[in-house]
């Protein structure tokens, strides 16, 4: 399974969890996948620039969070950082 398929499964599972009676068309899934990839690439590029600017060779959660705050507007950035932090905590707690 490639990363695109992984992403599609994740979006589909999340949708089923939140909206039990709604599905997603393949075209809508393709749009969501493109959006996910675009945001990921922009965040990674911005985090890389921040690490380089600070003379660091490793991207940390600090660079990722700062990149998200620079890329997304106001409340959306706050929500994204909060949910991202919760997701990472959940993953670490399950190990």
C-alpha atoms as a PDB file:
ATOM      1  CA  UNK A   1       0.000   0.000   0.000  1.00  0.00           C
ATOM      2  CA  UNK A   2       1.466   3.387  -0.969  1.00  0.00           C
ATOM      3  CA  UNK A   3       1.199   6.657   0.957  1.00  0.00           C
ATOM      4  CA  UNK A   4      -1.709   7.933  -1.158  1.00  0.00           C
ATOM      5  CA  UNK A   5      -3.742   4.813  -0.372  1.00  0.00           C
ATOM      6  CA  UNK A   6      -2.827   5.166   3.311  1.00  0.00           C
ATOM      7  CA  UNK A   7      -4.021   8.770   3.288  1.00  0.00           C
ATOM      8  CA  UNK A   8      -7.272   7.839   1.552  1.00  0.00           C
ATOM      9  CA  UNK A   9      -7.975   5.118   4.116  1.00  0.00           C
ATOM     10  CA  UNK A  10      -7.283   7.513   6.964  1.00  0.00           C
ATOM     11  CA  UNK A  11      -9.654  10.157   5.555  1.00  0.00           C
ATOM     12  CA  UNK A  12     -12.326   7.532   4.904  1.00  0.00           C
ATOM     13  CA  UNK A  13     -12.013   6.072   8.436  1.00  0.00           C
ATOM     14  CA  UNK A  14     -12.134   9.533   9.997  1.00  0.00           C
ATOM     15  CA  UNK A  15     -15.233  10.410   7.996  1.00  0.00           C
ATOM     16  CA  UNK A  16     -16.959   7.178   9.025  1.00  0.00           C
ATOM     17  CA  UNK A  17     -16.107   7.859  12.669  1.00  0.00           C
ATOM     18  CA  UNK A  18     -17.500  11.405  12.650  1.00  0.00           C
ATOM     19  CA  UNK A  19     -20.336  11.078  10.121  1.00  0.00           C
ATOM     20  CA  UNK A  20     -21.609   7.515  10.305  1.00  0.00           C
ATOM     21  CA  UNK A  21     -24.238   7.975   7.606  1.00  0.00           C
ATOM     22  CA  UNK A  22     -22.124   9.777   4.962  1.00  0.00           C
ATOM     23  CA  UNK A  23     -19.650   8.353   2.443  1.00  0.00           C
ATOM     24  CA  UNK A  24     -17.159  10.090   0.156  1.00  0.00           C
ATOM     25  CA  UNK A  25     -16.962   9.869  -3.622  1.00  0.00           C
ATOM     26  CA  UNK A  26     -13.716   8.914  -5.338  1.00  0.00           C
ATOM     27  CA  UNK A  27     -13.477  12.421  -6.839  1.00  0.00           C
ATOM     28  CA  UNK A  28     -13.923  14.054  -3.422  1.00  0.00           C
ATOM     29  CA  UNK A  29     -11.352  11.618  -1.994  1.00  0.00           C
ATOM     30  CA  UNK A  30      -8.936  12.617  -4.751  1.00  0.00           C
ATOM     31  CA  UNK A  31      -9.431  16.295  -3.884  1.00  0.00           C
ATOM     32  CA  UNK A  32      -8.857  15.596  -0.170  1.00  0.00           C
ATOM     33  CA  UNK A  33      -5.739  13.606  -1.026  1.00  0.00           C
ATOM     34  CA  UNK A  34      -4.374  16.487  -3.132  1.00  0.00           C
ATOM     35  CA  UNK A  35      -5.131  18.909  -0.307  1.00  0.00           C
ATOM     36  CA  UNK A  36      -3.390  16.669   2.249  1.00  0.00           C
ATOM     37  CA  UNK A  37      -0.323  16.320   0.039  1.00  0.00           C
ATOM     38  CA  UNK A  38      -0.170  20.065  -0.644  1.00  0.00           C
ATOM     39  CA  UNK A  39      -0.422  21.023   3.029  1.00  0.00           C
ATOM     40  CA  UNK A  40       2.158  18.373   3.961  1.00  0.00           C
ATOM     41  CA  UNK A  41       4.631  19.604   1.319  1.00  0.00           C
ATOM     42  CA  UNK A  42       4.165  23.257   2.291  1.00  0.00           C
ATOM     43  CA  UNK A  43       4.571  22.475   5.993  1.00  0.00           C
ATOM     44  CA  UNK A  44       7.681  20.369   5.400  1.00  0.00           C
ATOM     45  CA  UNK A  45       9.252  23.047   3.183  1.00  0.00           C
ATOM     46  CA  UNK A  46       8.535  25.832   5.684  1.00  0.00           C
ATOM     47  CA  UNK A  47       9.789  23.726   8.614  1.00  0.00           C
ATOM     48  CA  UNK A  48      12.954  22.981   6.643  1.00  0.00           C
ATOM     49  CA  UNK A  49      13.516  26.700   6.002  1.00  0.00           C
ATOM     50  CA  UNK A  50      13.004  27.437   9.699  1.00  0.00           C
ATOM     51  CA  UNK A  51      15.500  24.751  10.741  1.00  0.00           C
ATOM     52  CA  UNK A  52      18.035  26.036   8.198  1.00  0.00           C
ATOM     53  CA  UNK A  53      17.502  29.629   9.351  1.00  0.00           C
ATOM     54  CA  UNK A  54      18.162  28.537  12.953  1.00  0.00           C
ATOM     55  CA  UNK A  55      21.254  26.569  11.845  1.00  0.00           C
ATOM     56  CA  UNK A  56      19.744  23.222  12.814  1.00  0.00           C
ATOM     57  CA  UNK A  57      20.009  19.986  10.873  1.00  0.00           C
ATOM     58  CA  UNK A  58      16.910  18.399  12.417  1.00  0.00           C
ATOM     59  CA  UNK A  59      13.289  19.453  12.061  1.00  0.00           C
ATOM     60  CA  UNK A  60      11.577  19.235  15.450  1.00  0.00           C
ATOM     61  CA  UNK A  61       7.981  19.645  16.571  1.00  0.00           C
ATOM     62  CA  UNK A  62       8.769  23.301  17.201  1.00  0.00           C
ATOM     63  CA  UNK A  63       9.568  23.912  13.512  1.00  0.00           C
ATOM     64  CA  UNK A  64       6.475  21.978  12.435  1.00  0.00           C
ATOM     65  CA  UNK A  65       4.210  23.943  14.775  1.00  0.00           C
ATOM     66  CA  UNK A  66       5.739  27.260  13.714  1.00  0.00           C
ATOM     67  CA  UNK A  67       5.369  26.316  10.047  1.00  0.00           C
ATOM     68  CA  UNK A  68       1.689  25.491  10.602  1.00  0.00           C
ATOM     69  CA  UNK A  69       1.149  28.832  12.356  1.00  0.00           C
ATOM     70  CA  UNK A  70       2.795  30.641   9.426  1.00  0.00           C
ATOM     71  CA  UNK A  71       0.846  28.754   6.756  1.00  0.00           C
ATOM     72  CA  UNK A  72      -2.657  28.600   8.208  1.00  0.00           C
ATOM     73  CA  UNK A  73      -4.785  31.546   9.340  1.00  0.00           C
ATOM     74  CA  UNK A  74      -5.648  32.259  13.003  1.00  0.00           C
ATOM     75  CA  UNK A  75      -8.002  29.773  14.606  1.00  0.00           C
ATOM     76  CA  UNK A  76      -7.323  27.145  11.948  1.00  0.00           C
ATOM     77  CA  UNK A  77      -3.624  27.157  12.876  1.00  0.00           C
ATOM     78  CA  UNK A  78      -4.406  26.935  16.604  1.00  0.00           C
ATOM     79  CA  UNK A  79      -6.785  24.040  16.008  1.00  0.00           C
ATOM     80  CA  UNK A  80      -4.306  22.253  13.706  1.00  0.00           C
ATOM     81  CA  UNK A  81      -1.476  22.522  16.243  1.00  0.00           C
ATOM     82  CA  UNK A  82      -3.740  21.355  19.070  1.00  0.00           C
ATOM     83  CA  UNK A  83      -5.114  18.367  17.142  1.00  0.00           C
ATOM     84  CA  UNK A  84      -1.659  17.476  15.818  1.00  0.00           C
ATOM     85  CA  UNK A  85      -0.228  17.493  19.335  1.00  0.00           C
ATOM     86  CA  UNK A  86      -3.082  15.266  20.549  1.00  0.00           C
ATOM     87  CA  UNK A  87      -2.541  12.839  17.656  1.00  0.00           C
ATOM     88  CA  UNK A  88       1.204  12.546  18.324  1.00  0.00           C
ATOM     89  CA  UNK A  89       0.564  12.045  22.051  1.00  0.00           C
ATOM     90  CA  UNK A  90      -1.975   9.315  21.271  1.00  0.00           C
ATOM     91  CA  UNK A  91       0.517   7.523  19.004  1.00  0.00           C
ATOM     92  CA  UNK A  92       3.307   7.684  21.600  1.00  0.00           C
ATOM     93  CA  UNK A  93       0.986   6.518  24.371  1.00  0.00           C
ATOM     94  CA  UNK A  94      -0.035   3.457  22.344  1.00  0.00           C
ATOM     95  CA  UNK A  95       3.587   2.279  21.906  1.00  0.00           C
END
